[in-house]
């Protein structure tokens, strides 16, 4: 797997972990909790996101994009 693909996969794992934690209540969305849920080292978090807020913006963008695809398909 190319380095860009591995980086994209790790980013996806972090976004999925944040989404799961948000569904469980939202207060537990910390860098540590997201990394633990994704089973990734925190250095990989900072490879994709500068901080928790950047992660949440990325998650919002990801969900909005998926919703747009579903709406367009309908």
PDB file of N, CA and C in Angstrom:
ATOM      1  N   UNK A   1       0.848  -1.172   0.000  1.00  0.00           N
ATOM      2  CA  UNK A   1       0.000   0.000   0.000  1.00  0.00           C
ATOM      3  C   UNK A   1       0.896   1.238   0.000  1.00  0.00           C
ATOM      4  N   UNK A   2       0.551   2.200  -0.807  1.00  0.00           N
ATOM      5  CA  UNK A   2       1.324   3.436  -0.905  1.00  0.00           C
ATOM      6  C   UNK A   2       1.164   4.268   0.376  1.00  0.00           C
ATOM      7  N   UNK A   3       2.177   5.083   0.706  1.00  0.00           N
ATOM      8  CA  UNK A   3       2.089   5.906   1.917  1.00  0.00           C
ATOM      9  C   UNK A   3       0.841   6.789   1.964  1.00  0.00           C
ATOM     10  N   UNK A   4       0.427   7.330   0.835  1.00  0.00           N
ATOM     11  CA  UNK A   4      -0.772   8.184   0.805  1.00  0.00           C
ATOM     12  C   UNK A   4      -2.014   7.375   1.154  1.00  0.00           C
ATOM     13  N   UNK A   5      -2.057   6.141   0.702  1.00  0.00           N
ATOM     14  CA  UNK A   5      -3.198   5.278   1.004  1.00  0.00           C
ATOM     15  C   UNK A   5      -3.229   4.911   2.483  1.00  0.00           C
ATOM     16  N   UNK A   6      -2.080   4.640   3.056  1.00  0.00           N
ATOM     17  CA  UNK A   6      -2.019   4.331   4.494  1.00  0.00           C
ATOM     18  C   UNK A   6      -2.450   5.543   5.311  1.00  0.00           C
ATOM     19  N   UNK A   7      -1.998   6.720   4.908  1.00  0.00           N
ATOM     20  CA  UNK A   7      -2.373   7.953   5.601  1.00  0.00           C
ATOM     21  C   UNK A   7      -3.887   8.173   5.522  1.00  0.00           C
ATOM     22  N   UNK A   8      -4.453   7.958   4.334  1.00  0.00           N
ATOM     23  CA  UNK A   8      -5.903   8.120   4.144  1.00  0.00           C
ATOM     24  C   UNK A   8      -6.670   7.092   4.978  1.00  0.00           C
ATOM     25  N   UNK A   9      -6.159   5.880   5.064  1.00  0.00           N
ATOM     26  CA  UNK A   9      -6.817   4.840   5.861  1.00  0.00           C
ATOM     27  C   UNK A   9      -6.793   5.202   7.345  1.00  0.00           C
ATOM     28  N   UNK A  10      -5.661   5.699   7.821  1.00  0.00           N
ATOM     29  CA  UNK A  10      -5.577   6.112   9.228  1.00  0.00           C
ATOM     30  C   UNK A  10      -6.526   7.271   9.510  1.00  0.00           C
ATOM     31  N   UNK A  11      -6.617   8.222   8.582  1.00  0.00           N
ATOM     32  CA  UNK A  11      -7.537   9.351   8.749  1.00  0.00           C
ATOM     33  C   UNK A  11      -8.967   8.841   8.832  1.00  0.00           C
ATOM     34  N   UNK A  12      -9.309   7.898   7.964  1.00  0.00           N
ATOM     35  CA  UNK A  12     -10.649   7.310   7.967  1.00  0.00           C
ATOM     36  C   UNK A  12     -10.931   6.620   9.299  1.00  0.00           C
ATOM     37  N   UNK A  13      -9.953   5.889   9.833  1.00  0.00           N
ATOM     38  CA  UNK A  13     -10.121   5.223  11.127  1.00  0.00           C
ATOM     39  C   UNK A  13     -10.376   6.236  12.243  1.00  0.00           C
ATOM     40  N   UNK A  14      -9.660   7.346  12.205  1.00  0.00           N
ATOM     41  CA  UNK A  14      -9.844   8.392  13.216  1.00  0.00           C
ATOM     42  C   UNK A  14     -11.222   9.036  13.097  1.00  0.00           C
ATOM     43  N   UNK A  15     -11.664   9.311  11.884  1.00  0.00           N
ATOM     44  CA  UNK A  15     -12.993   9.899  11.687  1.00  0.00           C
ATOM     45  C   UNK A  15     -14.087   8.929  12.130  1.00  0.00           C
ATOM     46  N   UNK A  16     -13.929   7.662  11.800  1.00  0.00           N
ATOM     47  CA  UNK A  16     -14.912   6.661  12.222  1.00  0.00           C
ATOM     48  C   UNK A  16     -14.959   6.547  13.741  1.00  0.00           C
ATOM     49  N   UNK A  17     -13.809   6.594  14.372  1.00  0.00           N
ATOM     50  CA  UNK A  17     -13.754   6.522  15.834  1.00  0.00           C
ATOM     51  C   UNK A  17     -14.440   7.733  16.458  1.00  0.00           C
ATOM     52  N   UNK A  18     -14.195   8.912  15.917  1.00  0.00           N
ATOM     53  CA  UNK A  18     -14.837  10.125  16.432  1.00  0.00           C
ATOM     54  C   UNK A  18     -16.345  10.051  16.246  1.00  0.00           C
ATOM     55  N   UNK A  19     -16.796   9.547  15.108  1.00  0.00           N
ATOM     56  CA  UNK A  19     -18.225   9.405  14.839  1.00  0.00           C
ATOM     57  C   UNK A  19     -18.865   8.461  15.859  1.00  0.00           C
ATOM     58  N   UNK A  20     -18.208   7.339  16.137  1.00  0.00           N
ATOM     59  CA  UNK A  20     -18.716   6.386  17.126  1.00  0.00           C
ATOM     60  C   UNK A  20     -18.798   7.025  18.505  1.00  0.00           C
ATOM     61  N   UNK A  21     -17.756   7.733  18.893  1.00  0.00           N
ATOM     62  CA  UNK A  21     -17.744   8.378  20.210  1.00  0.00           C
ATOM     63  C   UNK A  21     -18.815   9.460  20.297  1.00  0.00           C
ATOM     64  N   UNK A  22     -19.028  10.173  19.217  1.00  0.00           N
ATOM     65  CA  UNK A  22     -20.076  11.200  19.201  1.00  0.00           C
ATOM     66  C   UNK A  22     -21.439  10.550  19.422  1.00  0.00           C
ATOM     67  N   UNK A  23     -21.649   9.408  18.807  1.00  0.00           N
ATOM     68  CA  UNK A  23     -22.902   8.684  18.977  1.00  0.00           C
ATOM     69  C   UNK A  23     -23.117   8.163  20.388  1.00  0.00           C
ATOM     70  N   UNK A  24     -22.052   8.013  21.116  1.00  0.00           N
ATOM     71  CA  UNK A  24     -22.132   7.516  22.493  1.00  0.00           C
ATOM     72  C   UNK A  24     -22.286   8.630  23.522  1.00  0.00           C
ATOM     73  N   UNK A  25     -22.345   9.865  23.081  1.00  0.00           N
ATOM     74  CA  UNK A  25     -22.563  10.945  24.030  1.00  0.00           C
ATOM     75  C   UNK A  25     -21.797  12.206  23.735  1.00  0.00           C
ATOM     76  N   UNK A  26     -20.741  12.143  22.995  1.00  0.00           N
ATOM     77  CA  UNK A  26     -20.045  13.337  22.557  1.00  0.00           C
ATOM     78  C   UNK A  26     -19.025  13.917  23.510  1.00  0.00           C
ATOM     79  N   UNK A  27     -19.228  13.786  24.826  1.00  0.00           N
ATOM     80  CA  UNK A  27     -18.287  14.386  25.770  1.00  0.00           C
ATOM     81  C   UNK A  27     -16.939  13.677  25.771  1.00  0.00           C
ATOM     82  N   UNK A  28     -16.924  12.448  25.282  1.00  0.00           N
ATOM     83  CA  UNK A  28     -15.709  11.643  25.330  1.00  0.00           C
ATOM     84  C   UNK A  28     -14.827  11.806  24.102  1.00  0.00           C
ATOM     85  N   UNK A  29     -15.102  12.804  23.284  1.00  0.00           N
ATOM     86  CA  UNK A  29     -14.290  12.983  22.078  1.00  0.00           C
ATOM     87  C   UNK A  29     -13.048  13.791  22.440  1.00  0.00           C
ATOM     88  N   UNK A  30     -12.034  13.060  22.861  1.00  0.00           N
ATOM     89  CA  UNK A  30     -10.728  13.652  23.126  1.00  0.00           C
ATOM     90  C   UNK A  30      -9.742  13.005  22.173  1.00  0.00           C
ATOM     91  N   UNK A  31      -8.597  13.618  22.030  1.00  0.00           N
ATOM     92  CA  UNK A  31      -7.570  13.036  21.164  1.00  0.00           C
ATOM     93  C   UNK A  31      -7.223  11.634  21.659  1.00  0.00           C
ATOM     94  N   UNK A  32      -7.061  11.492  22.947  1.00  0.00           N
ATOM     95  CA  UNK A  32      -6.709  10.183  23.524  1.00  0.00           C
ATOM     96  C   UNK A  32      -7.802   9.149  23.256  1.00  0.00           C
ATOM     97  N   UNK A  33      -9.066   9.520  23.476  1.00  0.00           N
ATOM     98  CA  UNK A  33     -10.170   8.577  23.274  1.00  0.00           C
ATOM     99  C   UNK A  33     -10.297   8.168  21.811  1.00  0.00           C
ATOM    100  N   UNK A  34     -10.144   9.121  20.922  1.00  0.00           N
ATOM    101  CA  UNK A  34     -10.237   8.828  19.493  1.00  0.00           C
ATOM    102  C   UNK A  34      -9.107   7.889  19.075  1.00  0.00           C
ATOM    103  N   UNK A  35      -7.916   8.166  19.537  1.00  0.00           N
ATOM    104  CA  UNK A  35      -6.769   7.318  19.194  1.00  0.00           C
ATOM    105  C   UNK A  35      -6.946   5.908  19.754  1.00  0.00           C
ATOM    106  N   UNK A  36      -7.437   5.814  20.986  1.00  0.00           N
ATOM    107  CA  UNK A  36      -7.663   4.497  21.569  1.00  0.00           C
ATOM    108  C   UNK A  36      -8.720   3.729  20.787  1.00  0.00           C
ATOM    109  N   UNK A  37      -9.806   4.391  20.428  1.00  0.00           N
ATOM    110  CA  UNK A  37     -10.876   3.731  19.683  1.00  0.00           C
ATOM    111  C   UNK A  37     -10.387   3.282  18.306  1.00  0.00           C
ATOM    112  N   UNK A  38      -9.567   4.124  17.663  1.00  0.00           N
ATOM    113  CA  UNK A  38      -9.040   3.795  16.331  1.00  0.00           C
ATOM    114  C   UNK A  38      -7.854   2.837  16.406  1.00  0.00           C
ATOM    115  N   UNK A  39      -7.341   2.633  17.620  1.00  0.00           N
ATOM    116  CA  UNK A  39      -6.159   1.789  17.836  1.00  0.00           C
ATOM    117  C   UNK A  39      -4.951   2.326  17.061  1.00  0.00           C
ATOM    118  N   UNK A  40      -4.785   3.642  17.194  1.00  0.00           N
ATOM    119  CA  UNK A  40      -3.658   4.315  16.542  1.00  0.00           C
ATOM    120  C   UNK A  40      -2.893   5.133  17.560  1.00  0.00           C
ATOM    121  N   UNK A  41      -1.628   5.308  17.299  1.00  0.00           N
ATOM    122  CA  UNK A  41      -0.754   6.145  18.092  1.00  0.00           C
ATOM    123  C   UNK A  41      -1.148   7.611  17.889  1.00  0.00           C
ATOM    124  N   UNK A  42      -1.080   8.451  18.928  1.00  0.00           N
ATOM    125  CA  UNK A  42      -1.438   9.871  18.768  1.00  0.00           C
ATOM    126  C   UNK A  42      -0.663  10.596  17.664  1.00  0.00           C
ATOM    127  N   UNK A  43       0.516  10.126  17.335  1.00  0.00           N
ATOM    128  CA  UNK A  43       1.254  10.814  16.271  1.00  0.00           C
ATOM    129  C   UNK A  43       0.491  10.734  14.954  1.00  0.00           C
ATOM    130  N   UNK A  44      -0.288   9.657  14.766  1.00  0.00           N
ATOM    131  CA  UNK A  44      -1.083   9.546  13.550  1.00  0.00           C
ATOM    132  C   UNK A  44      -2.273  10.499  13.568  1.00  0.00           C
ATOM    133  N   UNK A  45      -2.763  10.798  14.765  1.00  0.00           N
ATOM    134  CA  UNK A  45      -3.811  11.813  14.872  1.00  0.00           C
ATOM    135  C   UNK A  45      -3.290  13.141  14.331  1.00  0.00           C
ATOM    136  N   UNK A  46      -2.117  13.529  14.802  1.00  0.00           N
ATOM    137  CA  UNK A  46      -1.546  14.818  14.411  1.00  0.00           C
ATOM    138  C   UNK A  46      -1.011  14.827  12.981  1.00  0.00           C
ATOM    139  N   UNK A  47      -0.908  13.671  12.380  1.00  0.00           N
ATOM    140  CA  UNK A  47      -0.563  13.581  10.965  1.00  0.00           C
ATOM    141  C   UNK A  47      -1.728  14.097  10.117  1.00  0.00           C
ATOM    142  N   UNK A  48      -2.961  13.926  10.611  1.00  0.00           N
ATOM    143  CA  UNK A  48      -4.156  14.308   9.859  1.00  0.00           C
ATOM    144  C   UNK A  48      -4.856  15.545  10.402  1.00  0.00           C
ATOM    145  N   UNK A  49      -4.743  15.792  11.697  1.00  0.00           N
ATOM    146  CA  UNK A  49      -5.500  16.882  12.331  1.00  0.00           C
ATOM    147  C   UNK A  49      -4.591  17.671  13.266  1.00  0.00           C
ATOM    148  N   UNK A  50      -4.814  18.980  13.335  1.00  0.00           N
ATOM    149  CA  UNK A  50      -3.997  19.805  14.225  1.00  0.00           C
ATOM    150  C   UNK A  50      -4.465  19.732  15.669  1.00  0.00           C
ATOM    151  N   UNK A  51      -5.767  19.519  15.861  1.00  0.00           N
ATOM    152  CA  UNK A  51      -6.328  19.440  17.203  1.00  0.00           C
ATOM    153  C   UNK A  51      -7.729  18.836  17.138  1.00  0.00           C
ATOM    154  N   UNK A  52      -8.388  18.768  18.274  1.00  0.00           N
ATOM    155  CA  UNK A  52      -9.724  18.187  18.361  1.00  0.00           C
ATOM    156  C   UNK A  52     -10.719  18.942  17.484  1.00  0.00           C
ATOM    157  N   UNK A  53     -10.647  20.249  17.487  1.00  0.00           N
ATOM    158  CA  UNK A  53     -11.580  21.039  16.677  1.00  0.00           C
ATOM    159  C   UNK A  53     -11.416  20.750  15.189  1.00  0.00           C
ATOM    160  N   UNK A  54     -10.199  20.607  14.743  1.00  0.00           N
ATOM    161  CA  UNK A  54      -9.933  20.271  13.339  1.00  0.00           C
ATOM    162  C   UNK A  54     -10.531  18.901  13.010  1.00  0.00           C
ATOM    163  N   UNK A  55     -10.435  17.966  13.938  1.00  0.00           N
ATOM    164  CA  UNK A  55     -11.054  16.652  13.767  1.00  0.00           C
ATOM    165  C   UNK A  55     -12.563  16.792  13.625  1.00  0.00           C
ATOM    166  N   UNK A  56     -13.184  17.577  14.491  1.00  0.00           N
ATOM    167  CA  UNK A  56     -14.636  17.727  14.455  1.00  0.00           C
ATOM    168  C   UNK A  56     -15.102  18.405  13.166  1.00  0.00           C
ATOM    169  N   UNK A  57     -14.338  19.362  12.669  1.00  0.00           N
ATOM    170  CA  UNK A  57     -14.660  19.987  11.382  1.00  0.00           C
ATOM    171  C   UNK A  57     -14.539  18.952  10.264  1.00  0.00           C
ATOM    172  N   UNK A  58     -13.502  18.137  10.321  1.00  0.00           N
ATOM    173  CA  UNK A  58     -13.334  17.077   9.328  1.00  0.00           C
ATOM    174  C   UNK A  58     -14.476  16.079   9.379  1.00  0.00           C
ATOM    175  N   UNK A  59     -14.928  15.754  10.581  1.00  0.00           N
ATOM    176  CA  UNK A  59     -16.051  14.832  10.745  1.00  0.00           C
ATOM    177  C   UNK A  59     -17.327  15.450  10.176  1.00  0.00           C
ATOM    178  N   UNK A  60     -17.566  16.711  10.468  1.00  0.00           N
ATOM    179  CA  UNK A  60     -18.735  17.408   9.926  1.00  0.00           C
ATOM    180  C   UNK A  60     -18.699  17.404   8.402  1.00  0.00           C
ATOM    181  N   UNK A  61     -17.567  17.743   7.833  1.00  0.00           N
ATOM    182  CA  UNK A  61     -17.427  17.743   6.369  1.00  0.00           C
ATOM    183  C   UNK A  61     -17.675  16.363   5.785  1.00  0.00           C
ATOM    184  N   UNK A  62     -17.173  15.345   6.452  1.00  0.00           N
ATOM    185  CA  UNK A  62     -17.333  13.973   5.986  1.00  0.00           C
ATOM    186  C   UNK A  62     -18.806  13.561   5.998  1.00  0.00           C
ATOM    187  N   UNK A  63     -19.506  13.860   7.083  1.00  0.00           N
ATOM    188  CA  UNK A  63     -20.923  13.512   7.193  1.00  0.00           C
ATOM    189  C   UNK A  63     -21.746  14.322   6.189  1.00  0.00           C
ATOM    190  N   UNK A  64     -21.426  15.593   6.032  1.00  0.00           N
ATOM    191  CA  UNK A  64     -22.149  16.431   5.066  1.00  0.00           C
ATOM    192  C   UNK A  64     -21.960  15.921   3.635  1.00  0.00           C
ATOM    193  N   UNK A  65     -20.770  15.489   3.316  1.00  0.00           N
ATOM    194  CA  UNK A  65     -20.501  14.947   1.965  1.00  0.00           C
ATOM    195  C   UNK A  65     -21.286  13.663   1.741  1.00  0.00           C
ATOM    196  N   UNK A  66     -21.306  12.790   2.727  1.00  0.00           N
ATOM    197  CA  UNK A  66     -22.038  11.531   2.592  1.00  0.00           C
ATOM    198  C   UNK A  66     -23.540  11.810   2.451  1.00  0.00           C
ATOM    199  N   UNK A  67     -24.037  12.773   3.176  1.00  0.00           N
ATOM    200  CA  UNK A  67     -25.447  13.141   3.080  1.00  0.00           C
ATOM    201  C   UNK A  67     -25.778  13.706   1.711  1.00  0.00           C
ATOM    202  N   UNK A  68     -24.891  14.531   1.172  1.00  0.00           N
ATOM    203  CA  UNK A  68     -25.102  15.113  -0.160  1.00  0.00           C
ATOM    204  C   UNK A  68     -25.177  14.027  -1.222  1.00  0.00           C
ATOM    205  N   UNK A  69     -24.346  13.013  -1.100  1.00  0.00           N
ATOM    206  CA  UNK A  69     -24.361  11.893  -2.040  1.00  0.00           C
ATOM    207  C   UNK A  69     -25.695  11.161  -1.963  1.00  0.00           C
ATOM    208  N   UNK A  70     -26.156  10.914  -0.737  1.00  0.00           N
ATOM    209  CA  UNK A  70     -27.433  10.208  -0.563  1.00  0.00           C
ATOM    210  C   UNK A  70     -28.608  11.026  -1.098  1.00  0.00           C
ATOM    211  N   UNK A  71     -28.596  12.322  -0.860  1.00  0.00           N
ATOM    212  CA  UNK A  71     -29.673  13.194  -1.345  1.00  0.00           C
ATOM    213  C   UNK A  71     -29.659  13.233  -2.862  1.00  0.00           C
ATOM    214  N   UNK A  72     -28.495  13.327  -3.457  1.00  0.00           N
ATOM    215  CA  UNK A  72     -28.389  13.366  -4.912  1.00  0.00           C
ATOM    216  C   UNK A  72     -28.866  12.062  -5.536  1.00  0.00           C
ATOM    217  N   UNK A  73     -28.608  10.951  -4.853  1.00  0.00           N
ATOM    218  CA  UNK A  73     -29.032   9.652  -5.366  1.00  0.00           C
ATOM    219  C   UNK A  73     -30.540   9.469  -5.272  1.00  0.00           C
ATOM    220  N   UNK A  74     -31.151  10.142  -4.311  1.00  0.00           N
ATOM    221  CA  UNK A  74     -32.596  10.023  -4.137  1.00  0.00           C
ATOM    222  C   UNK A  74     -33.273  10.884  -5.127  1.00  0.00           C
TER     223      UNK A  74
END
